[in-house]
PDB file of N, CA and C in Angstrom:
ATOM      1  N   UNK A   1      62.884  14.342 -44.326  1.00  0.00           N
ATOM      2  CA  UNK A   1      61.790  14.247 -45.267  1.00  0.00           C
ATOM      3  C   UNK A   1      60.714  13.372 -44.613  1.00  0.00           C
ATOM      4  N   UNK A   2      59.576  13.977 -44.306  1.00  0.00           N
ATOM      5  CA  UNK A   2      58.509  13.246 -43.637  1.00  0.00           C
ATOM      6  C   UNK A   2      57.284  13.148 -44.527  1.00  0.00           C
ATOM      7  N   UNK A   3      56.727  11.958 -44.605  1.00  0.00           N
ATOM      8  CA  UNK A   3      55.504  11.746 -45.382  1.00  0.00           C
ATOM      9  C   UNK A   3      54.332  12.380 -44.645  1.00  0.00           C
ATOM     10  N   UNK A   4      53.392  12.932 -45.393  1.00  0.00           N
ATOM     11  CA  UNK A   4      52.195  13.457 -44.736  1.00  0.00           C
ATOM     12  C   UNK A   4      51.129  12.382 -44.614  1.00  0.00           C
ATOM     13  N   UNK A   5      51.289  11.287 -45.389  1.00  0.00           N
ATOM     14  CA  UNK A   5      50.349  10.172 -45.302  1.00  0.00           C
ATOM     15  C   UNK A   5      51.032   8.907 -45.780  1.00  0.00           C
ATOM     16  N   UNK A   6      50.778   7.793 -45.102  1.00  0.00           N
ATOM     17  CA  UNK A   6      51.222   6.484 -45.557  1.00  0.00           C
ATOM     18  C   UNK A   6      49.967   5.629 -45.676  1.00  0.00           C
ATOM     19  N   UNK A   7      49.786   5.068 -46.869  1.00  0.00           N
ATOM     20  CA  UNK A   7      48.569   4.316 -47.151  1.00  0.00           C
ATOM     21  C   UNK A   7      48.924   3.121 -48.024  1.00  0.00           C
ATOM     22  N   UNK A   8      48.553   1.922 -47.585  1.00  0.00           N
ATOM     23  CA  UNK A   8      48.861   0.704 -48.348  1.00  0.00           C
ATOM     24  C   UNK A   8      50.339   0.614 -48.706  1.00  0.00           C
ATOM     25  N   UNK A   9      51.200   0.858 -47.738  1.00  0.00           N
ATOM     26  CA  UNK A   9      52.651   0.802 -47.903  1.00  0.00           C
ATOM     27  C   UNK A   9      53.170   1.841 -48.898  1.00  0.00           C
ATOM     28  N   UNK A  10      52.379   2.885 -49.143  1.00  0.00           N
ATOM     29  CA  UNK A  10      52.800   3.964 -50.033  1.00  0.00           C
ATOM     30  C   UNK A  10      52.909   5.240 -49.225  1.00  0.00           C
ATOM     31  N   UNK A  11      54.059   5.886 -49.315  1.00  0.00           N
ATOM     32  CA  UNK A  11      54.271   7.152 -48.626  1.00  0.00           C
ATOM     33  C   UNK A  11      53.927   8.305 -49.561  1.00  0.00           C
ATOM     34  N   UNK A  12      53.209   9.280 -49.036  1.00  0.00           N
ATOM     35  CA  UNK A  12      52.816  10.465 -49.801  1.00  0.00           C
ATOM     36  C   UNK A  12      53.511  11.677 -49.203  1.00  0.00           C
ATOM     37  N   UNK A  13      54.120  12.481 -50.070  1.00  0.00           N
ATOM     38  CA  UNK A  13      54.838  13.676 -49.641  1.00  0.00           C
ATOM     39  C   UNK A  13      54.223  14.899 -50.299  1.00  0.00           C
ATOM     40  N   UNK A  14      54.064  15.947 -49.536  1.00  0.00           N
ATOM     41  CA  UNK A  14      53.544  17.203 -50.069  1.00  0.00           C
ATOM     42  C   UNK A  14      54.743  18.024 -50.527  1.00  0.00           C
ATOM     43  N   UNK A  15      54.879  18.210 -51.827  1.00  0.00           N
ATOM     44  CA  UNK A  15      56.063  18.896 -52.348  1.00  0.00           C
ATOM     45  C   UNK A  15      55.786  20.338 -52.737  1.00  0.00           C
ATOM     46  N   UNK A  16      54.521  20.778 -52.667  1.00  0.00           N
ATOM     47  CA  UNK A  16      54.195  22.145 -53.072  1.00  0.00           C
ATOM     48  C   UNK A  16      52.970  22.649 -52.332  1.00  0.00           C
ATOM     49  N   UNK A  17      52.989  23.923 -52.043  1.00  0.00           N
ATOM     50  CA  UNK A  17      51.831  24.582 -51.452  1.00  0.00           C
ATOM     51  C   UNK A  17      51.070  25.396 -52.475  1.00  0.00           C
ATOM     52  N   UNK A  18      51.465  25.300 -53.761  1.00  0.00           N
ATOM     53  CA  UNK A  18      50.815  26.075 -54.814  1.00  0.00           C
ATOM     54  C   UNK A  18      49.387  25.575 -55.041  1.00  0.00           C
ATOM     55  N   UNK A  19      48.530  26.468 -55.477  1.00  0.00           N
ATOM     56  CA  UNK A  19      47.120  26.161 -55.705  1.00  0.00           C
ATOM     57  C   UNK A  19      46.901  25.383 -56.999  1.00  0.00           C
ATOM     58  N   UNK A  20      45.682  24.872 -57.166  1.00  0.00           N
ATOM     59  CA  UNK A  20      45.304  24.111 -58.355  1.00  0.00           C
ATOM     60  C   UNK A  20      45.516  24.903 -59.642  1.00  0.00           C
ATOM     61  N   UNK A  21      45.319  26.209 -59.585  1.00  0.00           N
ATOM     62  CA  UNK A  21      45.444  27.024 -60.791  1.00  0.00           C
ATOM     63  C   UNK A  21      46.872  27.521 -61.025  1.00  0.00           C
ATOM     64  N   UNK A  22      47.827  26.983 -60.275  1.00  0.00           N
ATOM     65  CA  UNK A  22      49.222  27.409 -60.400  1.00  0.00           C
ATOM     66  C   UNK A  22      50.133  26.207 -60.681  1.00  0.00           C
ATOM     67  N   UNK A  23      49.929  25.579 -61.837  1.00  0.00           N
ATOM     68  CA  UNK A  23      50.753  24.423 -62.195  1.00  0.00           C
ATOM     69  C   UNK A  23      52.223  24.813 -62.292  1.00  0.00           C
ATOM     70  N   UNK A  24      52.511  25.990 -62.837  1.00  0.00           N
ATOM     71  CA  UNK A  24      53.901  26.444 -62.928  1.00  0.00           C
ATOM     72  C   UNK A  24      54.533  26.482 -61.532  1.00  0.00           C
ATOM     73  N   UNK A  25      53.819  27.007 -60.552  1.00  0.00           N
ATOM     74  CA  UNK A  25      54.329  27.049 -59.178  1.00  0.00           C
ATOM     75  C   UNK A  25      54.535  25.661 -58.606  1.00  0.00           C
ATOM     76  N   UNK A  26      53.611  24.747 -58.896  1.00  0.00           N
ATOM     77  CA  UNK A  26      53.759  23.366 -58.438  1.00  0.00           C
ATOM     78  C   UNK A  26      55.019  22.733 -59.020  1.00  0.00           C
ATOM     79  N   UNK A  27      55.251  22.983 -60.311  1.00  0.00           N
ATOM     80  CA  UNK A  27      56.430  22.418 -60.981  1.00  0.00           C
ATOM     81  C   UNK A  27      57.709  22.987 -60.382  1.00  0.00           C
ATOM     82  N   UNK A  28      57.761  24.294 -60.191  1.00  0.00           N
ATOM     83  CA  UNK A  28      58.954  24.911 -59.604  1.00  0.00           C
ATOM     84  C   UNK A  28      59.216  24.369 -58.203  1.00  0.00           C
ATOM     85  N   UNK A  29      58.157  24.224 -57.402  1.00  0.00           N
ATOM     86  CA  UNK A  29      58.314  23.661 -56.053  1.00  0.00           C
ATOM     87  C   UNK A  29      58.809  22.222 -56.116  1.00  0.00           C
ATOM     88  N   UNK A  30      58.292  21.445 -57.063  1.00  0.00           N
ATOM     89  CA  UNK A  30      58.700  20.039 -57.200  1.00  0.00           C
ATOM     90  C   UNK A  30      60.174  19.930 -57.578  1.00  0.00           C
ATOM     91  N   UNK A  31      60.629  20.780 -58.483  1.00  0.00           N
ATOM     92  CA  UNK A  31      62.050  20.773 -58.863  1.00  0.00           C
ATOM     93  C   UNK A  31      62.906  21.062 -57.641  1.00  0.00           C
ATOM     94  N   UNK A  32      62.514  22.066 -56.874  1.00  0.00           N
ATOM     95  CA  UNK A  32      63.262  22.422 -55.655  1.00  0.00           C
ATOM     96  C   UNK A  32      63.248  21.253 -54.665  1.00  0.00           C
ATOM     97  N   UNK A  33      62.090  20.607 -54.481  1.00  0.00           N
ATOM     98  CA  UNK A  33      61.972  19.463 -53.579  1.00  0.00           C
ATOM     99  C   UNK A  33      62.902  18.330 -54.007  1.00  0.00           C
ATOM    100  N   UNK A  34      62.947  18.038 -55.298  1.00  0.00           N
ATOM    101  CA  UNK A  34      63.801  16.959 -55.799  1.00  0.00           C
ATOM    102  C   UNK A  34      65.274  17.286 -55.598  1.00  0.00           C
ATOM    103  N   UNK A  35      65.641  18.532 -55.794  1.00  0.00           N
ATOM    104  CA  UNK A  35      67.046  18.927 -55.595  1.00  0.00           C
ATOM    105  C   UNK A  35      67.455  18.813 -54.133  1.00  0.00           C
ATOM    106  N   UNK A  36      66.580  19.241 -53.240  1.00  0.00           N
ATOM    107  CA  UNK A  36      66.883  19.215 -51.806  1.00  0.00           C
ATOM    108  C   UNK A  36      66.856  17.789 -51.249  1.00  0.00           C
ATOM    109  N   UNK A  37      65.918  16.973 -51.722  1.00  0.00           N
ATOM    110  CA  UNK A  37      65.701  15.641 -51.147  1.00  0.00           C
ATOM    111  C   UNK A  37      66.131  14.485 -52.042  1.00  0.00           C
ATOM    112  N   UNK A  38      66.873  14.791 -53.096  1.00  0.00           N
ATOM    113  CA  UNK A  38      67.268  13.765 -54.057  1.00  0.00           C
ATOM    114  C   UNK A  38      67.969  12.568 -53.453  1.00  0.00           C
ATOM    115  N   UNK A  39      68.879  12.797 -52.515  1.00  0.00           N
ATOM    116  CA  UNK A  39      69.618  11.685 -51.907  1.00  0.00           C
ATOM    117  C   UNK A  39      68.677  10.757 -51.145  1.00  0.00           C
ATOM    118  N   UNK A  40      67.743  11.329 -50.399  1.00  0.00           N
ATOM    119  CA  UNK A  40      66.776  10.506 -49.659  1.00  0.00           C
ATOM    120  C   UNK A  40      65.856   9.750 -50.611  1.00  0.00           C
ATOM    121  N   UNK A  41      65.444  10.411 -51.689  1.00  0.00           N
ATOM    122  CA  UNK A  41      64.570   9.755 -52.662  1.00  0.00           C
ATOM    123  C   UNK A  41      65.304   8.588 -53.317  1.00  0.00           C
ATOM    124  N   UNK A  42      66.589   8.768 -53.622  1.00  0.00           N
ATOM    125  CA  UNK A  42      67.377   7.672 -54.209  1.00  0.00           C
ATOM    126  C   UNK A  42      67.380   6.451 -53.293  1.00  0.00           C
ATOM    127  N   UNK A  43      67.536   6.688 -51.994  1.00  0.00           N
ATOM    128  CA  UNK A  43      67.537   5.586 -51.028  1.00  0.00           C
ATOM    129  C   UNK A  43      66.180   4.890 -51.034  1.00  0.00           C
ATOM    130  N   UNK A  44      65.101   5.660 -50.985  1.00  0.00           N
ATOM    131  CA  UNK A  44      63.756   5.070 -50.998  1.00  0.00           C
ATOM    132  C   UNK A  44      63.511   4.278 -52.277  1.00  0.00           C
ATOM    133  N   UNK A  45      63.949   4.823 -53.403  1.00  0.00           N
ATOM    134  CA  UNK A  45      63.703   4.187 -54.692  1.00  0.00           C
ATOM    135  C   UNK A  45      64.602   2.979 -54.933  1.00  0.00           C
ATOM    136  N   UNK A  46      65.646   2.810 -54.116  1.00  0.00           N
ATOM    137  CA  UNK A  46      66.541   1.668 -54.297  1.00  0.00           C
ATOM    138  C   UNK A  46      66.000   0.391 -53.662  1.00  0.00           C
ATOM    139  N   UNK A  47      64.931   0.509 -52.890  1.00  0.00           N
ATOM    140  CA  UNK A  47      64.330  -0.676 -52.263  1.00  0.00           C
ATOM    141  C   UNK A  47      63.713  -1.564 -53.343  1.00  0.00           C
ATOM    142  N   UNK A  48      63.824  -2.878 -53.202  1.00  0.00           N
ATOM    143  CA  UNK A  48      63.227  -3.787 -54.192  1.00  0.00           C
ATOM    144  C   UNK A  48      61.736  -3.509 -54.373  1.00  0.00           C
ATOM    145  N   UNK A  49      61.326  -3.375 -55.614  1.00  0.00           N
ATOM    146  CA  UNK A  49      59.925  -3.153 -55.933  1.00  0.00           C
ATOM    147  C   UNK A  49      59.426  -1.736 -55.723  1.00  0.00           C
ATOM    148  N   UNK A  50      60.327  -0.828 -55.351  1.00  0.00           N
ATOM    149  CA  UNK A  50      59.914   0.558 -55.102  1.00  0.00           C
ATOM    150  C   UNK A  50      59.478   1.234 -56.396  1.00  0.00           C
ATOM    151  N   UNK A  51      58.473   2.065 -56.286  1.00  0.00           N
ATOM    152  CA  UNK A  51      58.054   2.896 -57.405  1.00  0.00           C
ATOM    153  C   UNK A  51      57.625   4.238 -56.834  1.00  0.00           C
ATOM    154  N   UNK A  52      57.677   5.252 -57.654  1.00  0.00           N
ATOM    155  CA  UNK A  52      57.312   6.572 -57.170  1.00  0.00           C
ATOM    156  C   UNK A  52      56.935   7.483 -58.315  1.00  0.00           C
ATOM    157  N   UNK A  53      56.268   8.555 -57.978  1.00  0.00           N
ATOM    158  CA  UNK A  53      55.880   9.507 -59.000  1.00  0.00           C
ATOM    159  C   UNK A  53      55.467  10.822 -58.393  1.00  0.00           C
ATOM    160  N   UNK A  54      55.400  11.815 -59.243  1.00  0.00           N
ATOM    161  CA  UNK A  54      54.910  13.129 -58.864  1.00  0.00           C
ATOM    162  C   UNK A  54      53.554  13.321 -59.536  1.00  0.00           C
ATOM    163  N   UNK A  55      52.556  13.667 -58.759  1.00  0.00           N
ATOM    164  CA  UNK A  55      51.203  13.863 -59.268  1.00  0.00           C
ATOM    165  C   UNK A  55      50.817  15.319 -59.039  1.00  0.00           C
ATOM    166  N   UNK A  56      50.605  16.039 -60.124  1.00  0.00           N
ATOM    167  CA  UNK A  56      50.265  17.451 -60.060  1.00  0.00           C
ATOM    168  C   UNK A  56      48.759  17.603 -60.182  1.00  0.00           C
ATOM    169  N   UNK A  57      48.147  18.352 -59.275  1.00  0.00           N
ATOM    170  CA  UNK A  57      46.696  18.535 -59.253  1.00  0.00           C
ATOM    171  C   UNK A  57      46.323  19.858 -59.914  1.00  0.00           C
ATOM    172  N   UNK A  58      45.388  19.783 -60.855  1.00  0.00           N
ATOM    173  CA  UNK A  58      44.891  20.990 -61.513  1.00  0.00           C
ATOM    174  C   UNK A  58      43.372  20.944 -61.565  1.00  0.00           C
ATOM    175  N   UNK A  59      42.783  22.083 -61.880  1.00  0.00           N
ATOM    176  CA  UNK A  59      41.330  22.129 -61.999  1.00  0.00           C
ATOM    177  C   UNK A  59      40.918  21.973 -63.452  1.00  0.00           C
ATOM    178  N   UNK A  60      39.727  21.468 -63.652  1.00  0.00           N
ATOM    179  CA  UNK A  60      39.186  21.301 -64.992  1.00  0.00           C
ATOM    180  C   UNK A  60      37.892  22.090 -65.087  1.00  0.00           C
ATOM    181  N   UNK A  61      37.828  22.950 -66.062  1.00  0.00           N
ATOM    182  CA  UNK A  61      36.609  23.720 -66.315  1.00  0.00           C
ATOM    183  C   UNK A  61      36.058  23.290 -67.665  1.00  0.00           C
ATOM    184  N   UNK A  62      34.805  22.902 -67.696  1.00  0.00           N
ATOM    185  CA  UNK A  62      34.148  22.457 -68.920  1.00  0.00           C
ATOM    186  C   UNK A  62      34.144  23.609 -69.928  1.00  0.00           C
ATOM    187  N   UNK A  63      34.443  23.275 -71.177  1.00  0.00           N
ATOM    188  CA  UNK A  63      34.406  24.268 -72.234  1.00  0.00           C
ATOM    189  C   UNK A  63      35.660  25.109 -72.348  1.00  0.00           C
ATOM    190  N   UNK A  64      36.673  24.803 -71.552  1.00  0.00           N
ATOM    191  CA  UNK A  64      37.928  25.551 -71.585  1.00  0.00           C
ATOM    192  C   UNK A  64      39.030  24.609 -72.049  1.00  0.00           C
ATOM    193  N   UNK A  65      39.857  25.053 -72.979  1.00  0.00           N
ATOM    194  CA  UNK A  65      40.982  24.254 -73.454  1.00  0.00           C
ATOM    195  C   UNK A  65      42.020  24.114 -72.342  1.00  0.00           C
ATOM    196  N   UNK A  66      42.509  22.907 -72.152  1.00  0.00           N
ATOM    197  CA  UNK A  66      43.519  22.642 -71.126  1.00  0.00           C
ATOM    198  C   UNK A  66      44.771  22.085 -71.788  1.00  0.00           C
ATOM    199  N   UNK A  67      45.890  22.640 -71.432  1.00  0.00           N
ATOM    200  CA  UNK A  67      47.166  22.183 -71.967  1.00  0.00           C
ATOM    201  C   UNK A  67      48.170  22.199 -70.821  1.00  0.00           C
ATOM    202  N   UNK A  68      48.767  21.057 -70.554  1.00  0.00           N
ATOM    203  CA  UNK A  68      49.756  20.958 -69.484  1.00  0.00           C
ATOM    204  C   UNK A  68      51.043  20.405 -70.065  1.00  0.00           C
ATOM    205  N   UNK A  69      52.152  20.944 -69.652  1.00  0.00           N
ATOM    206  CA  UNK A  69      53.439  20.394 -70.051  1.00  0.00           C
ATOM    207  C   UNK A  69      54.394  20.512 -68.877  1.00  0.00           C
ATOM    208  N   UNK A  70      55.439  19.708 -68.925  1.00  0.00           N
ATOM    209  CA  UNK A  70      56.445  19.739 -67.876  1.00  0.00           C
ATOM    210  C   UNK A  70      57.746  20.256 -68.455  1.00  0.00           C
ATOM    211  N   UNK A  71      58.447  21.056 -67.675  1.00  0.00           N
ATOM    212  CA  UNK A  71      59.732  21.593 -68.112  1.00  0.00           C
ATOM    213  C   UNK A  71      60.759  20.467 -68.209  1.00  0.00           C
ATOM    214  N   UNK A  72      61.747  20.692 -69.058  1.00  0.00           N
ATOM    215  CA  UNK A  72      62.826  19.710 -69.202  1.00  0.00           C
ATOM    216  C   UNK A  72      63.545  19.501 -67.873  1.00  0.00           C
ATOM    217  N   UNK A  73      63.665  20.560 -67.064  1.00  0.00           N
ATOM    218  CA  UNK A  73      64.329  20.430 -65.760  1.00  0.00           C
ATOM    219  C   UNK A  73      63.588  19.444 -64.862  1.00  0.00           C
ATOM    220  N   UNK A  74      62.261  19.529 -64.849  1.00  0.00           N
ATOM    221  CA  UNK A  74      61.486  18.601 -64.022  1.00  0.00           C
ATOM    222  C   UNK A  74      61.579  17.186 -64.566  1.00  0.00           C
ATOM    223  N   UNK A  75      61.420  17.026 -65.865  1.00  0.00           N
ATOM    224  CA  UNK A  75      61.476  15.692 -66.474  1.00  0.00           C
ATOM    225  C   UNK A  75      62.833  15.046 -66.189  1.00  0.00           C
ATOM    226  N   UNK A  76      63.899  15.816 -66.335  1.00  0.00           N
ATOM    227  CA  UNK A  76      65.253  15.303 -66.089  1.00  0.00           C
ATOM    228  C   UNK A  76      65.420  14.894 -64.621  1.00  0.00           C
ATOM    229  N   UNK A  77      65.029  15.776 -63.702  1.00  0.00           N
ATOM    230  CA  UNK A  77      65.196  15.496 -62.271  1.00  0.00           C
ATOM    231  C   UNK A  77      64.387  14.275 -61.844  1.00  0.00           C
ATOM    232  N   UNK A  78      63.152  14.188 -62.314  1.00  0.00           N
ATOM    233  CA  UNK A  78      62.315  13.039 -61.963  1.00  0.00           C
ATOM    234  C   UNK A  78      62.867  11.753 -62.560  1.00  0.00           C
ATOM    235  N   UNK A  79      63.284  11.822 -63.804  1.00  0.00           N
ATOM    236  CA  UNK A  79      63.818  10.644 -64.487  1.00  0.00           C
ATOM    237  C   UNK A  79      65.065  10.114 -63.801  1.00  0.00           C
ATOM    238  N   UNK A  80      65.948  11.010 -63.403  1.00  0.00           N
ATOM    239  CA  UNK A  80      67.190  10.587 -62.738  1.00  0.00           C
ATOM    240  C   UNK A  80      66.909   9.848 -61.435  1.00  0.00           C
ATOM    241  N   UNK A  81      65.753  10.119 -60.827  1.00  0.00           N
ATOM    242  CA  UNK A  81      65.390   9.466 -59.575  1.00  0.00           C
ATOM    243  C   UNK A  81      64.427   8.292 -59.779  1.00  0.00           C
ATOM    244  N   UNK A  82      64.069   8.031 -61.022  1.00  0.00           N
ATOM    245  CA  UNK A  82      63.168   6.917 -61.326  1.00  0.00           C
ATOM    246  C   UNK A  82      61.711   7.214 -61.023  1.00  0.00           C
ATOM    247  N   UNK A  83      61.338   8.489 -61.052  1.00  0.00           N
ATOM    248  CA  UNK A  83      59.975   8.884 -60.733  1.00  0.00           C
ATOM    249  C   UNK A  83      59.165   9.149 -61.996  1.00  0.00           C
ATOM    250  N   UNK A  84      57.897   8.784 -61.960  1.00  0.00           N
ATOM    251  CA  UNK A  84      56.983   9.083 -63.064  1.00  0.00           C
ATOM    252  C   UNK A  84      56.337  10.446 -62.820  1.00  0.00           C
ATOM    253  N   UNK A  85      55.681  10.956 -63.847  1.00  0.00           N
ATOM    254  CA  UNK A  85      54.977  12.241 -63.756  1.00  0.00           C
ATOM    255  C   UNK A  85      53.524  12.042 -64.158  1.00  0.00           C
ATOM    256  N   UNK A  86      52.612  12.718 -63.462  1.00  0.00           N
ATOM    257  CA  UNK A  86      51.190  12.620 -63.772  1.00  0.00           C
ATOM    258  C   UNK A  86      50.514  13.952 -63.483  1.00  0.00           C
ATOM    259  N   UNK A  87      49.381  14.159 -64.132  1.00  0.00           N
ATOM    260  CA  UNK A  87      48.519  15.303 -63.838  1.00  0.00           C
ATOM    261  C   UNK A  87      47.143  14.746 -63.496  1.00  0.00           C
ATOM    262  N   UNK A  88      46.637  15.097 -62.329  1.00  0.00           N
ATOM    263  CA  UNK A  88      45.278  14.739 -61.938  1.00  0.00           C
ATOM    264  C   UNK A  88      44.429  15.992 -62.049  1.00  0.00           C
ATOM    265  N   UNK A  89      43.306  15.881 -62.740  1.00  0.00           N
ATOM    266  CA  UNK A  89      42.423  17.039 -62.893  1.00  0.00           C
ATOM    267  C   UNK A  89      41.173  16.830 -62.062  1.00  0.00           C
ATOM    268  N   UNK A  90      40.763  17.888 -61.390  1.00  0.00           N
ATOM    269  CA  UNK A  90      39.592  17.869 -60.535  1.00  0.00           C
ATOM    270  C   UNK A  90      38.598  18.884 -61.068  1.00  0.00           C
ATOM    271  N   UNK A  91      37.327  18.532 -61.105  1.00  0.00           N
ATOM    272  CA  UNK A  91      36.331  19.458 -61.653  1.00  0.00           C
ATOM    273  C   UNK A  91      36.143  20.673 -60.760  1.00  0.00           C
ATOM    274  N   UNK A  92      36.059  21.827 -61.403  1.00  0.00           N
ATOM    275  CA  UNK A  92      35.752  23.049 -60.665  1.00  0.00           C
ATOM    276  C   UNK A  92      34.252  23.077 -60.448  1.00  0.00           C
ATOM    277  N   UNK A  93      33.828  23.419 -59.254  1.00  0.00           N
ATOM    278  CA  UNK A  93      32.408  23.500 -58.953  1.00  0.00           C
ATOM    279  C   UNK A  93      31.786  24.739 -59.574  1.00  0.00           C
ATOM    280  N   UNK A  94      30.496  24.858 -59.434  1.00  0.00           N
ATOM    281  CA  UNK A  94      29.803  26.017 -59.976  1.00  0.00           C
ATOM    282  C   UNK A  94      30.276  27.312 -59.357  1.00  0.00           C
ATOM    283  N   UNK A  95      30.773  27.224 -58.119  1.00  0.00           N
ATOM    284  CA  UNK A  95      31.285  28.424 -57.456  1.00  0.00           C
ATOM    285  C   UNK A  95      32.717  28.744 -57.873  1.00  0.00           C
ATOM    286  N   UNK A  96      33.295  27.902 -58.770  1.00  0.00           N
ATOM    287  CA  UNK A  96      34.653  28.130 -59.241  1.00  0.00           C
ATOM    288  C   UNK A  96      35.714  27.490 -58.391  1.00  0.00           C
ATOM    289  N   UNK A  97      35.326  26.914 -57.247  1.00  0.00           N
ATOM    290  CA  UNK A  97      36.287  26.259 -56.371  1.00  0.00           C
ATOM    291  C   UNK A  97      36.417  24.790 -56.726  1.00  0.00           C
ATOM    292  N   UNK A  98      37.602  24.271 -56.568  1.00  0.00           N
ATOM    293  CA  UNK A  98      37.863  22.857 -56.854  1.00  0.00           C
ATOM    294  C   UNK A  98      37.619  22.056 -55.587  1.00  0.00           C
ATOM    295  N   UNK A  99      36.897  20.959 -55.733  1.00  0.00           N
ATOM    296  CA  UNK A  99      36.697  20.059 -54.603  1.00  0.00           C
ATOM    297  C   UNK A  99      38.039  19.452 -54.243  1.00  0.00           C
ATOM    298  N   UNK A 100      38.418  19.522 -52.992  1.00  0.00           N
ATOM    299  CA  UNK A 100      39.712  19.004 -52.543  1.00  0.00           C
ATOM    300  C   UNK A 100      39.752  17.496 -52.664  1.00  0.00           C
ATOM    301  N   UNK A 101      40.904  16.941 -53.178  1.00  0.00           N
ATOM    302  CA  UNK A 101      41.025  15.484 -53.312  1.00  0.00           C
ATOM    303  C   UNK A 101      41.090  14.805 -51.955  1.00  0.00           C
TER     304      UNK A 101
END
């Protein structure tokens, strides 16, 4: 399990290749990532002061209702590893594309 970025003593892992408009795909990929890498995540999370979370990126379009939820499988898997869950929304540009974070 290799981090794609380490910043301020925080390791960042890319757990999904799904697009901003595919939250379901991101969630499914995250569940698979947690199942495959759970033992390594447990070791990382056992360090004193360790914290971790999964941040799902989605697009935001003005004037459109947005509703996000997480499956019980994801909530359970993340909770068992001590991970939090978050959704970050990025504005869609006039061309419909989301500015990359």
